[in-house]
Amino acid sequence: MPRLKTPIARAIVALGEDVAKHWLICAAPLLIAASQALMGQSDLANPGSWSGVIVNSDCTADEAFAESAKCTANLGPAATLALYDDTTRVIYALDPQDQAVGHLGDSVRIQGSLQDKAIHVTSLEKLTAIGLNVNQKAPDFSARDQFGNEQSLATLKGPKGTVLLFFRSADW
């Protein structure tokens, strides 16, 4: 690191390091959750898992994000359904449609394989609970942060415990 000549420059660098450390402690759980969610959705050649909401296929990602009534309106048996992945804000076509029928507006997890923007569905599971129950211990995890340091539940734990916050579809 180059030698800083003025006390103000040294103070700015020190303040920057403190802010970076604080940001890392606060944002690491969100970054870890987001990276784990994206891992299963980025590989186009292999089977994977996607979660989101079943919507009408004529709904745009912006409309789905805004939870427009158009996206979950019952358009009858001829309607084509899609999956809105609220982690990546992408709409995926579903093939075949049979497992999605009856789940319009439901949060689901889909197993299958991705080709272009279509998921070839092998299974669909309705999600009934999200997150941990009250007083349930979080499972241990580890991942590298943006500085390449390994972080885990233990390294993030403070003297009074750890609070992990997840912002659904945060738009930052």
C-alpha atoms as a PDB file:
ATOM      1  CA  MET A   1       0.000   0.000   0.000  1.00  0.00           C
ATOM      2  CA  PRO A   2       1.481   3.413  -0.902  1.00  0.00           C
ATOM      3  CA  ARG A   3       2.459   5.682   1.952  1.00  0.00           C
ATOM      4  CA  LEU A   4      -0.154   8.346   2.577  1.00  0.00           C
ATOM      5  CA  LYS A   5       1.329  11.762   3.311  1.00  0.00           C
ATOM      6  CA  THR A   6      -1.483  13.658   5.003  1.00  0.00           C
ATOM      7  CA  PRO A   7      -3.405  12.785   8.164  1.00  0.00           C
ATOM      8  CA  ILE A   8      -6.659  13.411   6.291  1.00  0.00           C
ATOM      9  CA  ALA A   9      -5.755  10.855   3.609  1.00  0.00           C
ATOM     10  CA  ARG A  10      -4.826   8.299   6.291  1.00  0.00           C
ATOM     11  CA  ALA A  11      -8.148   8.980   8.113  1.00  0.00           C
ATOM     12  CA  ILE A  12     -10.152   8.535   4.907  1.00  0.00           C
ATOM     13  CA  VAL A  13      -8.459   5.188   4.206  1.00  0.00           C
ATOM     14  CA  ALA A  14      -9.039   4.027   7.796  1.00  0.00           C
ATOM     15  CA  LEU A  15     -12.691   5.104   7.630  1.00  0.00           C
ATOM     16  CA  GLY A  16     -13.051   3.279   4.315  1.00  0.00           C
ATOM     17  CA  GLU A  17     -11.694   0.073   5.851  1.00  0.00           C
ATOM     18  CA  ASP A  18     -14.131   0.346   8.795  1.00  0.00           C
ATOM     19  CA  VAL A  19     -17.063   0.911   6.444  1.00  0.00           C
ATOM     20  CA  ALA A  20     -15.968  -2.035   4.287  1.00  0.00           C
ATOM     21  CA  LYS A  21     -15.746  -4.325   7.339  1.00  0.00           C
ATOM     22  CA  HIS A  22     -19.198  -3.207   8.569  1.00  0.00           C
ATOM     23  CA  TRP A  23     -20.692  -3.709   5.114  1.00  0.00           C
ATOM     24  CA  LEU A  24     -19.140  -7.176   4.891  1.00  0.00           C
ATOM     25  CA  ILE A  25     -20.616  -8.241   8.219  1.00  0.00           C
ATOM     26  CA  CYS A  26     -24.077  -6.949   7.265  1.00  0.00           C
ATOM     27  CA  ALA A  27     -24.135  -8.035   3.626  1.00  0.00           C
ATOM     28  CA  ALA A  28     -22.322 -11.379   3.794  1.00  0.00           C
ATOM     29  CA  PRO A  29     -25.436 -13.443   4.658  1.00  0.00           C
ATOM     30  CA  LEU A  30     -27.371 -11.856   1.796  1.00  0.00           C
ATOM     31  CA  LEU A  31     -24.512 -12.419  -0.641  1.00  0.00           C
ATOM     32  CA  ILE A  32     -24.141 -16.018   0.478  1.00  0.00           C
ATOM     33  CA  ALA A  33     -27.867 -16.691   0.105  1.00  0.00           C
ATOM     34  CA  ALA A  34     -27.961 -15.035  -3.310  1.00  0.00           C
ATOM     35  CA  SER A  35     -24.914 -16.942  -4.561  1.00  0.00           C
ATOM     36  CA  GLN A  36     -26.372 -20.252  -3.404  1.00  0.00           C
ATOM     37  CA  ALA A  37     -29.674 -19.457  -5.101  1.00  0.00           C
ATOM     38  CA  LEU A  38     -27.933 -18.540  -8.331  1.00  0.00           C
ATOM     39  CA  MET A  39     -25.684 -21.621  -8.378  1.00  0.00           C
ATOM     40  CA  GLY A  40     -28.547 -23.902  -9.345  1.00  0.00           C
ATOM     41  CA  GLN A  41     -29.838 -21.472 -11.938  1.00  0.00           C
ATOM     42  CA  SER A  42     -26.760 -20.472 -13.897  1.00  0.00           C
ATOM     43  CA  ASP A  43     -25.762 -23.744 -15.550  1.00  0.00           C
ATOM     44  CA  LEU A  44     -27.744 -24.139 -18.747  1.00  0.00           C
ATOM     45  CA  ALA A  45     -26.442 -27.612 -19.645  1.00  0.00           C
ATOM     46  CA  ASN A  46     -27.226 -29.560 -16.469  1.00  0.00           C
ATOM     47  CA  PRO A  47     -30.316 -30.331 -14.434  1.00  0.00           C
ATOM     48  CA  GLY A  48     -31.115 -27.864 -11.707  1.00  0.00           C
ATOM     49  CA  SER A  49     -33.625 -26.460  -9.279  1.00  0.00           C
ATOM     50  CA  TRP A  50     -35.534 -23.180  -9.564  1.00  0.00           C
ATOM     51  CA  SER A  51     -37.922 -21.552  -7.158  1.00  0.00           C
ATOM     52  CA  GLY A  52     -40.432 -18.782  -7.649  1.00  0.00           C
ATOM     53  CA  VAL A  53     -44.095 -18.156  -8.353  1.00  0.00           C
ATOM     54  CA  ILE A  54     -46.310 -19.742 -11.019  1.00  0.00           C
ATOM     55  CA  VAL A  55     -47.664 -16.929 -13.223  1.00  0.00           C
ATOM     56  CA  ASN A  56     -49.415 -16.516 -16.560  1.00  0.00           C
ATOM     57  CA  SER A  57     -46.909 -16.642 -19.393  1.00  0.00           C
ATOM     58  CA  ASP A  58     -48.051 -13.274 -20.775  1.00  0.00           C
ATOM     59  CA  CYS A  59     -46.864 -11.593 -17.556  1.00  0.00           C
ATOM     60  CA  THR A  60     -43.575  -9.665 -17.792  1.00  0.00           C
ATOM     61  CA  ALA A  61     -40.847  -9.862 -15.161  1.00  0.00           C
ATOM     62  CA  ASP A  62     -41.575  -6.252 -14.166  1.00  0.00           C
ATOM     63  CA  GLU A  63     -45.278  -7.028 -13.719  1.00  0.00           C
ATOM     64  CA  ALA A  64     -44.487 -10.159 -11.705  1.00  0.00           C
ATOM     65  CA  PHE A  65     -42.058  -8.212  -9.512  1.00  0.00           C
ATOM     66  CA  ALA A  66     -44.800  -5.638  -8.854  1.00  0.00           C
ATOM     67  CA  GLU A  67     -47.199  -8.528  -8.068  1.00  0.00           C
ATOM     68  CA  SER A  68     -49.635  -7.364 -10.732  1.00  0.00           C
ATOM     69  CA  ALA A  69     -53.050  -9.037 -10.560  1.00  0.00           C
ATOM     70  CA  LYS A  70     -52.679  -9.782 -14.284  1.00  0.00           C
ATOM     71  CA  CYS A  71     -49.952 -12.317 -13.481  1.00  0.00           C
ATOM     72  CA  THR A  72     -52.166 -14.541 -11.339  1.00  0.00           C
ATOM     73  CA  ALA A  73     -55.543 -13.956 -12.982  1.00  0.00           C
ATOM     74  CA  ASN A  74     -57.315 -17.209 -13.847  1.00  0.00           C
ATOM     75  CA  LEU A  75     -57.387 -17.243 -17.653  1.00  0.00           C
ATOM     76  CA  GLY A  76     -59.015 -20.674 -17.887  1.00  0.00           C
ATOM     77  CA  PRO A  77     -57.760 -24.103 -18.894  1.00  0.00           C
ATOM     78  CA  ALA A  78     -56.124 -22.878 -22.123  1.00  0.00           C
ATOM     79  CA  ALA A  79     -53.770 -20.504 -20.236  1.00  0.00           C
ATOM     80  CA  THR A  80     -50.046 -21.115 -20.527  1.00  0.00           C
ATOM     81  CA  LEU A  81     -48.205 -20.969 -17.212  1.00  0.00           C
ATOM     82  CA  ALA A  82     -44.635 -19.924 -16.441  1.00  0.00           C
ATOM     83  CA  LEU A  83     -42.298 -19.647 -13.470  1.00  0.00           C
ATOM     84  CA  TYR A  84     -41.269 -16.199 -12.254  1.00  0.00           C
ATOM     85  CA  ASP A  85     -37.942 -16.583 -10.467  1.00  0.00           C
ATOM     86  CA  ASP A  86     -37.983 -13.679  -8.021  1.00  0.00           C
ATOM     87  CA  THR A  87     -34.294 -14.165  -7.207  1.00  0.00           C
ATOM     88  CA  THR A  88     -33.117 -13.401 -10.733  1.00  0.00           C
ATOM     89  CA  ARG A  89     -36.285 -11.650 -12.018  1.00  0.00           C
ATOM     90  CA  VAL A  90     -36.592 -14.021 -14.952  1.00  0.00           C
ATOM     91  CA  ILE A  91     -39.703 -15.641 -16.428  1.00  0.00           C
ATOM     92  CA  TYR A  92     -39.205 -19.250 -17.552  1.00  0.00           C
ATOM     93  CA  ALA A  93     -41.541 -21.183 -19.820  1.00  0.00           C
ATOM     94  CA  LEU A  94     -42.571 -24.558 -18.377  1.00  0.00           C
ATOM     95  CA  ASP A  95     -42.655 -27.752 -20.408  1.00  0.00           C
ATOM     96  CA  PRO A  96     -44.731 -29.775 -19.870  1.00  0.00           C
ATOM     97  CA  GLN A  97     -47.488 -27.694 -18.282  1.00  0.00           C
ATOM     98  CA  ASP A  98     -49.357 -30.483 -16.462  1.00  0.00           C
ATOM     99  CA  GLN A  99     -47.530 -30.203 -13.118  1.00  0.00           C
ATOM    100  CA  ALA A 100     -47.997 -26.409 -12.977  1.00  0.00           C
ATOM    101  CA  VAL A 101     -51.767 -26.586 -13.528  1.00  0.00           C
ATOM    102  CA  GLY A 102     -53.589 -25.721 -10.302  1.00  0.00           C
ATOM    103  CA  HIS A 103     -50.616 -23.809  -8.864  1.00  0.00           C
ATOM    104  CA  LEU A 104     -51.249 -20.327 -10.311  1.00  0.00           C
ATOM    105  CA  GLY A 105     -49.926 -17.814  -7.762  1.00  0.00           C
ATOM    106  CA  ASP A 106     -48.251 -20.489  -5.639  1.00  0.00           C
ATOM    107  CA  SER A 107     -44.610 -20.378  -4.544  1.00  0.00           C
ATOM    108  CA  VAL A 108     -42.958 -23.530  -5.861  1.00  0.00           C
ATOM    109  CA  ARG A 109     -39.629 -25.301  -6.327  1.00  0.00           C
ATOM    110  CA  ILE A 110     -39.143 -26.920  -9.727  1.00  0.00           C
ATOM    111  CA  GLN A 111     -36.635 -29.605 -10.635  1.00  0.00           C
ATOM    112  CA  GLY A 112     -35.712 -30.057 -14.259  1.00  0.00           C
ATOM    113  CA  SER A 113     -33.332 -28.925 -16.955  1.00  0.00           C
ATOM    114  CA  LEU A 114     -33.023 -25.555 -18.622  1.00  0.00           C
ATOM    115  CA  GLN A 115     -32.811 -25.020 -22.347  1.00  0.00           C
ATOM    116  CA  ASP A 116     -32.861 -21.394 -23.498  1.00  0.00           C
ATOM    117  CA  LYS A 117     -35.615 -19.836 -21.318  1.00  0.00           C
ATOM    118  CA  ALA A 118     -37.659 -23.040 -20.871  1.00  0.00           C
ATOM    119  CA  ILE A 119     -37.499 -25.418 -17.925  1.00  0.00           C
ATOM    120  CA  HIS A 120     -38.207 -29.037 -18.826  1.00  0.00           C
ATOM    121  CA  VAL A 121     -40.038 -29.919 -15.609  1.00  0.00           C
ATOM    122  CA  THR A 122     -39.368 -33.240 -13.887  1.00  0.00           C
ATOM    123  CA  SER A 123     -40.991 -32.324 -10.549  1.00  0.00           C
ATOM    124  CA  LEU A 124     -42.828 -29.441  -8.902  1.00  0.00           C
ATOM    125  CA  GLU A 125     -43.156 -28.949  -5.148  1.00  0.00           C
ATOM    126  CA  LYS A 126     -45.383 -26.316  -3.540  1.00  0.00           C
ATOM    127  CA  LEU A 127     -43.489 -24.356  -0.910  1.00  0.00           C
ATOM    128  CA  THR A 128     -45.470 -24.098   2.296  1.00  0.00           C
ATOM    129  CA  ALA A 129     -42.867 -22.521   4.569  1.00  0.00           C
ATOM    130  CA  ILE A 130     -39.947 -20.221   3.942  1.00  0.00           C
ATOM    131  CA  GLY A 131     -37.030 -19.823   6.295  1.00  0.00           C
ATOM    132  CA  LEU A 132     -36.498 -21.150   9.774  1.00  0.00           C
ATOM    133  CA  ASN A 133     -39.123 -21.669  12.434  1.00  0.00           C
ATOM    134  CA  VAL A 134     -38.937 -19.564  15.601  1.00  0.00           C
ATOM    135  CA  ASN A 135     -36.092 -20.816  17.829  1.00  0.00           C
ATOM    136  CA  GLN A 136     -34.840 -23.200  15.124  1.00  0.00           C
ATOM    137  CA  LYS A 137     -31.056 -23.128  14.797  1.00  0.00           C
ATOM    138  CA  ALA A 138     -29.640 -22.100  11.445  1.00  0.00           C
ATOM    139  CA  PRO A 139     -27.682 -24.784   9.610  1.00  0.00           C
ATOM    140  CA  ASP A 140     -23.957 -24.206   9.414  1.00  0.00           C
ATOM    141  CA  PHE A 141     -22.742 -22.803   6.110  1.00  0.00           C
ATOM    142  CA  SER A 142     -19.547 -21.517   4.597  1.00  0.00           C
ATOM    143  CA  ALA A 143     -18.769 -19.440   1.533  1.00  0.00           C
ATOM    144  CA  ARG A 144     -16.147 -17.011   0.354  1.00  0.00           C
ATOM    145  CA  ASP A 145     -16.857 -13.310   0.621  1.00  0.00           C
ATOM    146  CA  GLN A 146     -15.926 -10.676  -1.963  1.00  0.00           C
ATOM    147  CA  PHE A 147     -12.403 -10.539  -0.510  1.00  0.00           C
ATOM    148  CA  GLY A 148     -11.873 -14.295  -0.836  1.00  0.00           C
ATOM    149  CA  ASN A 149     -12.126 -14.915   2.925  1.00  0.00           C
ATOM    150  CA  GLU A 150     -14.106 -17.924   4.084  1.00  0.00           C
ATOM    151  CA  GLN A 151     -17.162 -16.908   6.115  1.00  0.00           C
ATOM    152  CA  SER A 152     -19.398 -19.233   8.112  1.00  0.00           C
ATOM    153  CA  LEU A 153     -22.152 -19.018  10.649  1.00  0.00           C
ATOM    154  CA  ALA A 154     -19.487 -19.256  13.368  1.00  0.00           C
ATOM    155  CA  THR A 155     -17.335 -16.431  11.951  1.00  0.00           C
ATOM    156  CA  LEU A 156     -20.339 -14.112  11.665  1.00  0.00           C
ATOM    157  CA  LYS A 157     -21.741 -14.876  15.126  1.00  0.00           C
ATOM    158  CA  GLY A 158     -21.689 -11.980  17.549  1.00  0.00           C
ATOM    159  CA  PRO A 159     -21.748 -12.036  21.363  1.00  0.00           C
ATOM    160  CA  LYS A 160     -25.573 -12.075  21.412  1.00  0.00           C
ATOM    161  CA  GLY A 161     -26.052 -14.343  18.393  1.00  0.00           C
ATOM    162  CA  THR A 162     -26.539 -13.691  14.707  1.00  0.00           C
ATOM    163  CA  VAL A 163     -29.402 -12.141  12.792  1.00  0.00           C
ATOM    164  CA  LEU A 164     -29.614 -13.043   9.127  1.00  0.00           C
ATOM    165  CA  LEU A 165     -31.877 -10.867   7.021  1.00  0.00           C
ATOM    166  CA  PHE A 166     -33.040 -11.710   3.542  1.00  0.00           C
ATOM    167  CA  PHE A 167     -34.777  -9.119   1.413  1.00  0.00           C
ATOM    168  CA  ARG A 168     -37.037 -10.775  -1.161  1.00  0.00           C
ATOM    169  CA  SER A 169     -36.415  -9.291  -4.575  1.00  0.00           C
ATOM    170  CA  ALA A 170     -34.393  -6.396  -3.177  1.00  0.00           C
ATOM    171  CA  ASP A 171     -33.807  -3.842  -5.904  1.00  0.00           C
ATOM    172  CA  TRP A 172     -30.498  -2.166  -5.098  1.00  0.00           C
END
